[in-house]
Amino acid sequence: MTQLDVLYRFGAQPTEREAMALARIREVYGIRQMTVSEADRTVRVEYDATRLTEAIVHNLLRRTGLDILERVSLLPPQPVPEPTPAAA
């Protein structure tokens, strides 16, 4: 089993209907965990990559009616290395 996480930012707060549809996603075989942060307007899904792809997870979320705006990188920004002066 290969576990992956994906994080999406959404626009409008989920309605009751969308929240119920999101709860049903947890029942999909391969979805390990799902966390919705209404304060940050994000949804984080942990899934089994041997069963599902990121595209399938994205499609499942879109089908709930949730207003997905973008995928958010889970990696922090990496520092840009400073150029070294050329040796004379």
Protein backbone atom coordinates (compact mmCIF):
# COMPACT_ATOMS: atom_id res chain seq x y z
CA MET A 1 0.00 0.00 0.00
CA THR A 2 1.26 3.44 -0.95
CA GLN A 3 -0.32 6.27 1.01
CA LEU A 4 -0.40 9.73 -0.52
CA ASP A 5 -1.93 13.01 0.62
CA VAL A 6 -3.42 15.71 -1.55
CA LEU A 7 -4.60 19.13 -0.40
CA TYR A 8 -7.13 21.34 -2.19
CA ARG A 9 -8.32 24.87 -1.50
CA PHE A 10 -12.03 25.51 -1.99
CA GLY A 11 -14.02 28.70 -2.43
CA ALA A 12 -17.48 28.81 -0.89
CA GLN A 13 -18.16 27.08 2.40
CA PRO A 14 -19.74 23.64 1.87
CA THR A 15 -23.51 23.55 2.14
CA GLU A 16 -25.21 20.86 4.19
CA ARG A 17 -25.77 18.81 1.04
CA GLU A 18 -22.09 19.10 0.05
CA ALA A 19 -20.99 18.23 3.60
CA MET A 20 -23.10 15.05 3.51
CA ALA A 21 -21.61 14.14 0.11
CA LEU A 22 -18.11 14.73 1.48
CA ALA A 23 -18.85 12.40 4.39
CA ARG A 24 -19.79 9.65 1.92
CA ILE A 25 -16.40 9.95 0.19
CA ARG A 26 -14.84 8.43 3.31
CA GLU A 27 -16.64 5.20 2.41
CA VAL A 28 -14.85 4.91 -0.97
CA TYR A 29 -12.42 2.00 -0.98
CA GLY A 30 -8.93 3.49 -0.98
CA ILE A 31 -9.77 6.72 0.86
CA ARG A 32 -7.90 6.46 4.14
CA GLN A 33 -8.73 9.79 5.78
CA MET A 34 -10.23 13.15 4.90
CA THR A 35 -9.92 16.40 6.83
CA VAL A 36 -11.91 19.53 5.99
CA SER A 37 -10.72 22.84 7.45
CA GLU A 38 -13.44 25.43 6.99
CA ALA A 39 -11.22 28.10 8.56
CA ASP A 40 -8.42 27.53 6.02
CA ARG A 41 -10.90 26.54 3.29
CA THR A 42 -8.96 23.37 2.54
CA VAL A 43 -9.69 19.68 2.26
CA ARG A 44 -6.89 17.15 2.74
CA VAL A 45 -7.36 13.59 1.54
CA GLU A 46 -5.10 10.66 2.37
CA TYR A 47 -5.59 7.85 -0.12
CA ASP A 48 -4.11 4.52 -1.18
CA ALA A 49 -2.28 5.17 -4.45
CA THR A 50 -2.47 1.48 -5.39
CA ARG A 51 -6.26 1.84 -5.54
CA LEU A 52 -6.86 5.46 -6.59
CA THR A 53 -5.13 8.24 -8.47
CA GLU A 54 -5.04 11.94 -7.63
CA ALA A 55 -7.31 12.58 -10.62
CA ILE A 56 -9.93 10.19 -9.23
CA VAL A 57 -9.77 11.83 -5.79
CA HIS A 58 -10.15 15.26 -7.43
CA ASN A 59 -13.14 14.02 -9.44
CA LEU A 60 -14.78 12.56 -6.31
CA LEU A 61 -14.48 15.93 -4.57
CA ARG A 62 -15.82 17.83 -7.59
CA ARG A 63 -18.83 15.51 -7.78
CA THR A 64 -19.85 16.52 -4.24
CA GLY A 65 -20.40 20.06 -5.53
CA LEU A 66 -17.50 21.48 -3.53
CA ASP A 67 -16.03 24.58 -5.18
CA ILE A 68 -12.43 23.35 -5.70
CA LEU A 69 -10.18 26.28 -6.62
CA GLU A 70 -6.70 24.77 -6.69
CA ARG A 71 -4.41 22.01 -5.55
CA VAL A 72 -2.07 23.19 -2.79
CA SER A 73 1.49 21.89 -2.52
CA LEU A 74 2.20 20.05 0.71
CA LEU A 75 5.93 20.77 0.36
CA PRO A 76 7.25 23.98 1.89
CA PRO A 77 8.97 26.39 -0.50
CA GLN A 78 12.58 25.38 -1.02
CA PRO A 79 15.34 27.98 -0.57
CA VAL A 80 17.06 29.08 -3.74
CA PRO A 81 20.79 28.29 -3.54
CA GLU A 82 23.05 31.29 -3.80
CA PRO A 83 25.30 31.27 -6.85
CA THR A 84 28.93 30.61 -6.08
CA PRO A 85 31.52 32.93 -7.60
CA ALA A 86 33.52 31.41 -10.44
CA ALA A 87 37.02 30.30 -9.51
CA ALA A 88 39.73 32.45 -11.07
